[in-house]
N, C-alpha and C. Protein backbone atom coordinates (compact mmCIF):
# COMPACT_ATOMS: atom_id res chain seq x y z
N MET A 1 -19.33 9.25 -79.58
CA MET A 1 -19.49 10.46 -78.79
C MET A 1 -20.16 9.90 -77.54
N LYS A 2 -21.24 9.27 -77.47
CA LYS A 2 -21.75 8.64 -76.35
C LYS A 2 -20.81 8.03 -75.22
N LYS A 3 -19.91 7.43 -75.96
CA LYS A 3 -18.72 6.92 -74.85
C LYS A 3 -17.91 7.87 -74.33
N ILE A 4 -17.64 8.95 -74.99
CA ILE A 4 -16.80 10.06 -74.71
C ILE A 4 -17.49 11.02 -73.35
N VAL A 5 -18.81 11.20 -73.54
CA VAL A 5 -19.63 11.82 -72.48
C VAL A 5 -19.63 10.99 -71.33
N LEU A 6 -20.07 9.47 -71.86
CA LEU A 6 -20.13 8.76 -70.52
C LEU A 6 -18.84 8.79 -69.77
N SER A 7 -17.70 8.76 -70.34
CA SER A 7 -16.35 8.65 -69.67
C SER A 7 -16.15 9.74 -68.99
N LEU A 8 -16.41 10.92 -69.63
CA LEU A 8 -16.38 12.36 -68.90
C LEU A 8 -17.00 12.38 -67.43
N LEU A 9 -18.36 11.89 -67.69
CA LEU A 9 -19.26 11.90 -66.50
C LEU A 9 -18.53 10.84 -65.44
N VAL A 10 -18.14 9.89 -65.85
CA VAL A 10 -17.57 8.97 -64.74
C VAL A 10 -16.41 9.66 -64.20
N VAL A 11 -15.50 10.30 -64.84
CA VAL A 11 -14.48 10.79 -64.42
C VAL A 11 -14.91 11.94 -63.54
N GLY A 12 -15.85 12.73 -63.93
CA GLY A 12 -16.19 13.86 -62.84
C GLY A 12 -16.68 13.34 -61.73
N VAL A 13 -17.59 12.37 -61.71
CA VAL A 13 -18.00 11.91 -60.29
C VAL A 13 -17.08 11.32 -59.71
N THR A 14 -15.95 10.54 -60.18
CA THR A 14 -14.98 10.16 -59.30
C THR A 14 -14.14 11.19 -58.75
N MET A 15 -13.82 12.20 -59.43
CA MET A 15 -13.13 13.60 -59.00
C MET A 15 -14.15 14.12 -57.99
N SER A 16 -15.16 14.22 -58.13
CA SER A 16 -16.06 14.80 -57.10
C SER A 16 -16.09 14.03 -55.71
N LEU A 17 -16.17 12.78 -55.79
CA LEU A 17 -16.03 11.91 -54.67
C LEU A 17 -14.93 11.87 -53.97
N ALA A 18 -13.89 11.92 -54.76
CA ALA A 18 -12.45 12.05 -54.16
C ALA A 18 -12.23 13.30 -53.27
N GLY A 19 -12.62 14.45 -53.99
CA GLY A 19 -12.78 15.86 -53.50
C GLY A 19 -13.54 15.73 -52.09
N CYS A 20 -14.73 15.06 -51.92
CA CYS A 20 -15.54 15.09 -50.73
C CYS A 20 -14.61 14.30 -49.62
N GLY A 21 -14.07 13.22 -49.99
CA GLY A 21 -13.42 12.43 -49.01
C GLY A 21 -12.25 13.32 -48.43
N SER A 22 -11.48 14.08 -49.28
CA SER A 22 -10.41 14.86 -48.77
C SER A 22 -10.79 15.97 -47.69
N ASN A 23 -12.02 16.56 -48.07
CA ASN A 23 -12.38 17.61 -47.04
C ASN A 23 -12.82 16.85 -45.85
N LYS A 24 -13.36 15.64 -45.94
CA LYS A 24 -13.66 15.04 -44.64
C LYS A 24 -12.61 14.61 -43.83
N SER A 25 -11.49 14.19 -44.51
CA SER A 25 -10.09 13.64 -43.87
C SER A 25 -9.75 14.94 -43.23
N SER A 26 -9.67 16.21 -43.62
CA SER A 26 -9.26 17.35 -43.03
C SER A 26 -10.25 17.73 -42.02
N GLU A 27 -11.38 17.57 -42.07
CA GLU A 27 -12.24 17.69 -40.96
C GLU A 27 -11.89 16.91 -39.70
N GLU A 28 -11.66 15.77 -40.25
CA GLU A 28 -11.45 14.56 -39.01
C GLU A 28 -10.16 14.89 -38.51
N LYS A 29 -9.15 15.32 -38.91
CA LYS A 29 -7.87 16.01 -38.70
C LYS A 29 -8.15 17.12 -37.87
N SER A 30 -8.84 17.68 -37.94
CA SER A 30 -9.02 18.99 -37.05
C SER A 30 -9.63 18.81 -35.75
N THR A 31 -10.60 17.89 -36.00
CA THR A 31 -11.42 17.29 -34.99
C THR A 31 -10.57 16.47 -33.99
N ASP A 32 -9.81 15.65 -34.36
CA ASP A 32 -8.70 14.80 -33.59
C ASP A 32 -7.66 15.93 -33.08
N SER A 33 -7.36 16.93 -33.67
CA SER A 33 -6.27 17.98 -33.00
C SER A 33 -6.92 18.82 -31.79
N SER A 34 -8.25 18.89 -32.23
CA SER A 34 -8.88 19.84 -31.19
C SER A 34 -9.13 18.74 -29.88
N ILE A 35 -9.57 17.52 -30.12
CA ILE A 35 -9.41 16.64 -28.94
C ILE A 35 -8.23 16.56 -28.12
N GLU A 36 -7.26 16.26 -29.02
CA GLU A 36 -5.71 16.32 -28.30
C GLU A 36 -5.56 17.47 -27.53
N GLN A 37 -5.92 18.50 -28.19
CA GLN A 37 -5.69 19.99 -27.37
C GLN A 37 -6.58 20.04 -25.99
N THR A 38 -7.81 19.54 -26.22
CA THR A 38 -8.53 19.37 -25.28
C THR A 38 -8.28 18.84 -23.90
N THR A 39 -7.63 17.51 -24.34
CA THR A 39 -7.13 16.63 -23.35
C THR A 39 -5.86 16.93 -22.56
N GLU A 40 -4.95 17.62 -23.45
CA GLU A 40 -3.69 18.48 -23.09
C GLU A 40 -4.14 19.50 -21.85
N ASP A 41 -4.94 20.14 -22.32
CA ASP A 41 -5.51 21.33 -21.42
C ASP A 41 -6.09 20.74 -20.12
N THR A 42 -6.87 19.78 -20.25
CA THR A 42 -7.54 19.36 -19.13
C THR A 42 -6.43 18.50 -18.14
N ALA A 43 -5.37 17.77 -18.82
CA ALA A 43 -4.39 17.36 -18.23
C ALA A 43 -3.61 18.25 -17.39
N ALA A 44 -3.38 19.42 -18.02
CA ALA A 44 -2.53 20.47 -17.47
C ALA A 44 -2.99 21.25 -16.31
N LYS A 45 -4.53 21.42 -16.33
CA LYS A 45 -5.32 21.91 -15.23
C LYS A 45 -5.26 21.08 -14.15
N GLU A 46 -5.39 19.73 -14.69
CA GLU A 46 -5.56 18.70 -13.40
C GLU A 46 -4.09 18.62 -12.43
N ALA A 47 -3.12 18.90 -13.43
CA ALA A 47 -1.61 18.99 -12.81
C ALA A 47 -1.55 20.18 -11.97
N GLU A 48 -1.92 21.07 -12.46
CA GLU A 48 -1.89 22.54 -11.92
C GLU A 48 -2.55 22.33 -10.36
N LYS A 49 -3.90 21.74 -10.45
CA LYS A 49 -4.64 21.78 -9.32
C LYS A 49 -4.04 21.11 -8.38
N MET A 50 -3.49 19.69 -8.63
CA MET A 50 -2.68 19.05 -7.77
C MET A 50 -1.50 19.45 -7.15
N ASN A 51 -0.98 20.12 -8.00
CA ASN A 51 0.31 21.08 -7.60
C ASN A 51 0.11 21.94 -6.39
N GLN A 52 -1.04 22.70 -6.67
CA GLN A 52 -1.66 23.80 -5.76
C GLN A 52 -2.12 23.03 -4.54
N ILE A 53 -2.68 21.98 -4.32
CA ILE A 53 -2.97 21.16 -3.21
C ILE A 53 -1.78 20.81 -2.51
N ALA A 54 -0.78 20.26 -3.24
CA ALA A 54 0.41 19.79 -2.35
C ALA A 54 1.04 20.92 -1.83
N GLU A 55 0.96 22.07 -2.46
CA GLU A 55 1.57 23.39 -2.12
C GLU A 55 0.96 23.66 -0.71
N ASN A 56 -0.31 23.74 -0.79
CA ASN A 56 -1.20 24.00 0.48
C ASN A 56 -0.89 23.16 1.75
N LEU A 57 -0.66 21.82 1.42
CA LEU A 57 -0.65 20.86 2.40
C LEU A 57 0.85 21.12 2.94
N GLU A 58 1.79 21.56 2.10
CA GLU A 58 3.14 21.89 2.80
C GLU A 58 2.89 22.98 3.38
N ASP A 59 2.25 24.02 3.09
CA ASP A 59 2.13 25.08 3.80
C ASP A 59 1.61 25.04 5.30
N GLN A 60 0.72 23.67 5.49
CA GLN A 60 -0.15 23.49 6.47
C GLN A 60 0.71 22.35 7.44
N GLY A 61 2.14 22.41 6.93
CA GLY A 61 2.84 21.45 7.70
C GLY A 61 2.64 20.00 7.66
N VAL A 62 2.19 19.59 6.59
CA VAL A 62 1.72 18.20 6.37
C VAL A 62 3.03 17.66 5.36
N GLU A 63 3.46 16.44 5.87
CA GLU A 63 4.68 15.68 5.03
C GLU A 63 3.63 14.45 4.51
N ILE A 64 4.10 13.99 3.21
CA ILE A 64 3.62 13.20 2.51
C ILE A 64 4.62 11.95 2.11
N LYS A 65 4.37 10.67 2.84
CA LYS A 65 5.13 9.66 2.75
C LYS A 65 4.37 8.49 2.09
N SER A 66 4.87 8.07 0.84
CA SER A 66 4.58 6.98 0.12
C SER A 66 5.41 5.71 0.34
N TYR A 67 4.71 4.47 0.48
CA TYR A 67 5.36 3.06 0.72
C TYR A 67 4.60 2.08 0.17
N GLY A 68 4.78 1.50 -0.82
CA GLY A 68 3.98 0.32 -1.30
C GLY A 68 2.68 0.61 -1.63
N ASN A 69 1.83 0.19 -1.08
CA ASN A 69 0.03 0.65 -1.49
C ASN A 69 -0.49 1.50 -0.51
N TYR A 70 0.75 2.04 0.36
CA TYR A 70 0.20 3.06 1.38
C TYR A 70 0.70 4.41 0.93
N LEU A 71 -0.21 5.64 1.41
CA LEU A 71 0.16 6.98 1.17
C LEU A 71 -0.32 7.65 2.53
N SER A 72 0.68 8.15 3.02
CA SER A 72 0.18 8.82 4.36
C SER A 72 0.53 10.44 4.31
N PHE A 73 -0.54 11.17 4.85
CA PHE A 73 -0.15 12.52 5.25
C PHE A 73 -0.10 12.77 6.69
N ILE A 74 1.10 13.08 7.12
CA ILE A 74 1.56 13.46 8.58
C ILE A 74 1.72 14.71 8.87
N ARG A 75 1.16 15.15 10.04
CA ARG A 75 1.56 16.33 10.79
C ARG A 75 1.84 16.15 11.97
N GLU A 76 2.98 16.68 12.48
CA GLU A 76 3.50 16.57 13.99
C GLU A 76 3.04 17.74 14.86
N LYS A 77 2.98 17.59 15.81
CA LYS A 77 1.99 18.57 16.75
C LYS A 77 2.98 19.68 16.93
N GLY A 78 2.28 20.79 16.46
CA GLY A 78 3.41 22.04 16.66
C GLY A 78 2.43 23.12 17.53
N ILE A 79 2.87 24.34 17.61
CA ILE A 79 2.09 25.44 18.43
C ILE A 79 0.87 25.71 17.49
N ASP A 80 0.89 25.86 16.19
CA ASP A 80 -0.36 26.04 15.55
C ASP A 80 -1.40 24.94 15.23
N TYR A 81 -0.77 23.74 15.32
CA TYR A 81 -1.69 22.70 15.06
C TYR A 81 -1.43 21.28 15.73
N ASP A 82 -2.42 20.32 15.80
CA ASP A 82 -2.34 19.21 16.23
C ASP A 82 -1.70 18.12 15.42
N TYR A 83 -1.30 16.92 16.14
CA TYR A 83 -0.88 15.69 15.32
C TYR A 83 -1.83 14.99 14.38
N PHE A 84 -1.48 14.58 13.40
CA PHE A 84 -2.58 13.66 12.76
C PHE A 84 -1.85 12.63 11.71
N GLU A 85 -2.52 11.76 11.32
CA GLU A 85 -1.87 10.93 10.22
C GLU A 85 -3.05 10.15 9.56
N VAL A 86 -3.01 10.50 8.27
CA VAL A 86 -4.02 10.23 7.48
C VAL A 86 -3.46 9.23 6.37
N THR A 87 -3.67 7.68 6.52
CA THR A 87 -3.18 6.81 5.77
C THR A 87 -4.23 6.23 4.62
N PHE A 88 -4.18 6.48 3.45
CA PHE A 88 -4.78 5.86 2.18
C PHE A 88 -4.14 4.50 1.95
N VAL A 89 -4.97 3.40 1.75
CA VAL A 89 -4.48 2.13 1.56
C VAL A 89 -5.26 1.87 0.14
N PHE A 90 -4.26 1.44 -0.75
CA PHE A 90 -4.68 1.47 -2.11
C PHE A 90 -4.67 -0.16 -2.39
N ALA A 91 -5.79 -0.50 -3.32
CA ALA A 91 -5.87 -2.04 -3.94
C ALA A 91 -4.47 -2.19 -4.60
N SER A 92 -4.10 -3.30 -4.87
CA SER A 92 -2.97 -3.63 -5.47
C SER A 92 -3.39 -4.11 -6.97
N SER A 93 -4.41 -4.62 -7.18
CA SER A 93 -4.99 -5.02 -8.38
C SER A 93 -5.91 -4.18 -9.34
N GLU A 94 -6.29 -3.03 -8.55
CA GLU A 94 -7.33 -2.17 -9.15
C GLU A 94 -6.86 -0.69 -8.83
N ARG A 95 -7.27 0.08 -9.53
CA ARG A 95 -6.84 1.94 -9.23
C ARG A 95 -8.22 2.23 -8.24
N ARG A 96 -7.93 1.84 -6.99
CA ARG A 96 -8.95 2.25 -6.08
C ARG A 96 -8.40 2.35 -4.82
N VAL A 97 -9.11 3.03 -3.82
CA VAL A 97 -8.71 3.09 -2.34
C VAL A 97 -9.66 2.24 -1.79
N ILE A 98 -8.91 1.20 -1.00
CA ILE A 98 -9.72 0.40 0.02
C ILE A 98 -10.32 0.96 1.04
N GLN A 99 -9.02 1.67 1.83
CA GLN A 99 -9.45 2.16 3.04
C GLN A 99 -8.75 3.43 3.39
N VAL A 100 -9.48 4.16 4.45
CA VAL A 100 -8.59 5.23 4.70
C VAL A 100 -8.75 5.20 6.38
N ARG A 101 -7.40 5.62 7.09
CA ARG A 101 -7.27 5.33 8.35
C ARG A 101 -6.55 6.67 8.98
N LEU A 102 -7.23 7.21 10.02
CA LEU A 102 -6.85 8.37 10.66
C LEU A 102 -6.35 8.06 12.22
N THR A 103 -5.16 8.59 12.40
CA THR A 103 -4.56 8.45 13.72
C THR A 103 -4.42 9.70 14.40
N LEU A 104 -5.09 9.89 15.50
CA LEU A 104 -4.81 11.12 16.33
C LEU A 104 -3.91 10.87 17.68
N LYS A 105 -3.51 11.96 18.17
CA LYS A 105 -2.63 11.72 19.67
C LYS A 105 -3.56 12.61 20.53
N GLY A 106 -3.52 12.05 21.66
CA GLY A 106 -4.27 12.66 22.88
C GLY A 106 -3.66 14.11 23.32
N ASN A 107 -4.37 15.05 23.38
CA ASN A 107 -3.56 16.29 23.75
C ASN A 107 -2.82 16.29 25.19
N ILE A 108 -3.24 15.68 26.02
CA ILE A 108 -2.59 15.60 27.54
C ILE A 108 -1.50 14.50 27.38
N ASP A 109 -1.75 13.27 27.21
CA ASP A 109 -0.61 12.24 27.26
C ASP A 109 0.14 12.25 25.97
N GLY A 110 -0.23 12.41 24.88
CA GLY A 110 0.27 12.66 23.68
C GLY A 110 0.53 11.24 23.02
N LYS A 111 -0.20 10.31 23.45
CA LYS A 111 -0.27 8.69 23.11
C LYS A 111 -1.15 8.69 22.02
N GLU A 112 -0.96 8.11 20.88
CA GLU A 112 -2.00 7.69 19.79
C GLU A 112 -3.12 7.04 20.26
N LYS A 113 -4.10 7.58 19.80
CA LYS A 113 -5.53 7.20 20.05
C LYS A 113 -5.75 5.89 19.10
N GLU A 114 -6.76 5.24 19.38
CA GLU A 114 -7.26 4.24 18.44
C GLU A 114 -7.56 4.63 17.01
N ASP A 115 -7.04 4.03 15.87
CA ASP A 115 -7.37 4.45 14.39
C ASP A 115 -8.67 4.46 14.33
N LEU A 116 -9.03 5.47 13.57
CA LEU A 116 -10.48 5.79 12.96
C LEU A 116 -10.41 5.32 11.51
N ILE A 117 -11.26 4.39 10.94
CA ILE A 117 -11.49 3.77 9.73
C ILE A 117 -12.47 4.51 8.86
N TYR A 118 -12.32 4.84 7.48
CA TYR A 118 -13.22 5.28 6.73
C TYR A 118 -13.08 4.47 5.60
N GLU A 119 -14.15 4.57 4.61
CA GLU A 119 -14.14 4.10 3.20
C GLU A 119 -14.16 5.32 2.26
N VAL A 120 -14.03 4.80 1.05
CA VAL A 120 -14.28 5.96 0.05
C VAL A 120 -15.19 5.46 -0.89
N SER A 121 -16.49 6.22 -1.11
CA SER A 121 -17.54 5.94 -1.94
C SER A 121 -17.91 7.24 -2.55
N LYS A 122 -17.75 7.08 -3.94
CA LYS A 122 -18.06 8.07 -5.05
C LYS A 122 -16.96 9.16 -4.86
N GLY A 123 -15.72 8.90 -4.55
CA GLY A 123 -14.72 9.88 -4.42
C GLY A 123 -14.93 10.75 -3.31
N ARG A 124 -15.80 10.51 -2.29
CA ARG A 124 -15.80 10.88 -1.02
C ARG A 124 -15.47 9.99 0.40
N MET A 125 -14.93 10.41 1.36
CA MET A 125 -14.56 9.78 2.57
C MET A 125 -15.94 9.55 3.32
N VAL A 126 -16.17 8.32 3.65
CA VAL A 126 -17.46 8.03 4.53
C VAL A 126 -17.16 7.22 5.68
N GLU A 127 -17.99 7.19 6.69
CA GLU A 127 -17.80 6.19 7.75
C GLU A 127 -17.86 4.70 7.23
N SER A 128 -17.01 4.19 7.93
CA SER A 128 -16.92 2.63 7.69
C SER A 128 -18.00 1.90 8.56
N SER A 129 -18.82 1.03 7.87
CA SER A 129 -19.58 0.25 8.93
C SER A 129 -18.89 -0.75 9.54
N GLY A 130 -19.21 -0.79 10.82
CA GLY A 130 -18.82 -1.98 11.62
C GLY A 130 -17.31 -1.57 12.26
N ASP A 131 -16.76 -0.37 11.90
CA ASP A 131 -15.42 -0.23 12.38
C ASP A 131 -15.42 0.96 13.19
N ASN A 132 -14.54 1.28 13.86
CA ASN A 132 -13.99 2.50 14.79
C ASN A 132 -14.28 3.78 13.84
N THR A 133 -15.16 4.65 13.94
CA THR A 133 -15.25 5.59 13.15
C THR A 133 -15.90 6.87 13.64
N ASP A 134 -15.33 8.18 13.18
CA ASP A 134 -15.87 9.43 13.73
C ASP A 134 -15.73 10.47 12.56
N ILE A 135 -16.90 10.65 12.06
CA ILE A 135 -16.78 11.70 10.87
C ILE A 135 -16.52 13.13 11.24
N ASP A 136 -16.90 13.66 12.60
CA ASP A 136 -16.43 14.72 13.29
C ASP A 136 -14.93 15.12 13.28
N ALA A 137 -14.26 13.95 13.66
CA ALA A 137 -12.73 13.86 13.94
C ALA A 137 -12.20 14.20 12.60
N LEU A 138 -12.68 13.49 11.38
CA LEU A 138 -12.18 13.69 10.30
C LEU A 138 -12.50 15.15 9.69
N ALA A 139 -13.58 15.61 9.80
CA ALA A 139 -13.97 16.98 9.34
C ALA A 139 -13.03 18.04 10.05
N GLU A 140 -12.60 17.77 11.39
CA GLU A 140 -12.01 18.79 12.19
C GLU A 140 -10.58 18.65 11.47
N VAL A 141 -9.99 17.47 11.16
CA VAL A 141 -8.54 17.50 10.38
C VAL A 141 -8.66 17.99 9.03
N LEU A 142 -9.71 17.88 8.20
CA LEU A 142 -9.83 18.67 6.99
C LEU A 142 -9.90 20.05 6.88
N LYS A 143 -10.46 20.36 7.85
CA LYS A 143 -10.71 21.96 7.99
C LYS A 143 -9.42 22.29 8.53
N SER A 144 -8.52 21.93 9.36
CA SER A 144 -7.50 22.39 9.74
C SER A 144 -6.41 22.50 8.68
N ILE A 145 -6.26 21.73 7.64
CA ILE A 145 -5.46 21.68 6.51
C ILE A 145 -6.01 22.29 5.27
N ASP A 146 -7.44 22.81 5.54
CA ASP A 146 -8.14 23.64 4.44
C ASP A 146 -8.30 22.92 3.10
N CYS A 147 -8.79 21.46 3.34
CA CYS A 147 -9.02 20.50 2.23
C CYS A 147 -10.13 19.97 2.16
N SER A 148 -10.98 19.70 1.20
CA SER A 148 -12.11 18.79 1.31
C SER A 148 -11.94 17.39 1.34
N ASP A 149 -12.78 16.46 1.67
CA ASP A 149 -12.43 15.08 1.55
C ASP A 149 -12.40 14.70 0.15
N LYS A 150 -13.24 15.23 -0.74
CA LYS A 150 -13.15 14.83 -2.17
C LYS A 150 -11.76 15.42 -2.73
N ASP A 151 -11.30 16.54 -2.46
CA ASP A 151 -9.82 16.88 -3.02
C ASP A 151 -8.90 16.28 -2.38
N LEU A 152 -9.04 15.83 -1.41
CA LEU A 152 -7.69 14.88 -0.51
C LEU A 152 -7.74 13.41 -1.17
N VAL A 153 -8.99 13.01 -1.45
CA VAL A 153 -9.06 11.67 -2.15
C VAL A 153 -8.62 11.79 -3.68
N GLU A 154 -8.96 12.68 -4.38
CA GLU A 154 -8.40 12.94 -5.56
C GLU A 154 -6.85 13.01 -5.60
N PHE A 155 -6.49 14.10 -4.68
CA PHE A 155 -5.06 14.20 -4.85
C PHE A 155 -4.26 13.05 -4.30
N ALA A 156 -4.65 12.14 -3.42
CA ALA A 156 -4.09 10.91 -3.01
C ALA A 156 -3.97 9.80 -4.10
N GLN A 157 -5.07 9.96 -4.89
CA GLN A 157 -5.09 8.85 -5.96
C GLN A 157 -4.04 9.61 -7.15
N TRP A 158 -4.07 10.75 -7.26
CA TRP A 158 -3.16 11.21 -8.41
C TRP A 158 -1.80 11.10 -8.08
N TYR A 159 -1.51 11.29 -6.78
CA TYR A 159 -0.20 11.31 -6.15
C TYR A 159 0.39 9.52 -6.33
N HIS A 160 -0.44 8.94 -5.97
CA HIS A 160 -0.19 7.45 -5.81
C HIS A 160 -0.08 6.86 -7.31
N TYR A 161 -0.88 7.11 -7.91
CA TYR A 161 -0.91 6.40 -9.07
C TYR A 161 -0.11 7.25 -10.37
N ASP A 162 -0.23 8.51 -10.51
CA ASP A 162 0.18 9.36 -11.59
C ASP A 162 1.64 10.15 -11.30
N ASN A 163 1.83 10.38 -10.12
CA ASN A 163 2.86 11.12 -9.63
C ASN A 163 3.97 10.41 -9.27
N LYS A 164 4.52 9.32 -10.08
CA LYS A 164 5.51 8.70 -9.50
C LYS A 164 6.66 8.75 -10.43
C-alpha cells in the first residue's frame, strides 16, 4: 500500500511540474510575440517617418543622389530658394558618418564657395575643428528645407544603409 501511495505521489508531482512548464512556455511565447509585434510597429513607424522626410525634401526641391560611400542632397537655384549641396561621407567599415560637406554658391557670380565641413556627434551635425565651417550657414540651409540636423542625419543613415 505504501508503494502505491508513493508512486501516486511521484506521478502527481511529475504531472504538476509538467503543467507548470507548459504555462511558462505559453507565457514565453506570448512575450516573444509581443516583442516581435513591438519591433514590427517600431520599424513601420520609422519607415513612415523616413518616407515623410523624403516627401518633404522632394517638396522643397531637394534631389537625393547616392554613389558609393557618398549621399548628396542637392537643390538647384530657383525662384523660391538658393542652391546648396549637402554631402554625407560614410565609413566603409562601420555604420557611421565620417563627415558632412556643405557647398553653397554665391548669389551674384553663381560660383561655388569653399566647402564647409561638419562632423556628426551623438546624431547631430557639429562644427568640425580645424576645418572651414559655419554653423549659421548650415542652420539657414536646414531651415530652408524645414528639417532638423538630427532628422537629416537619421534620414541619411537610413537612406544609405537600410533603403537600398
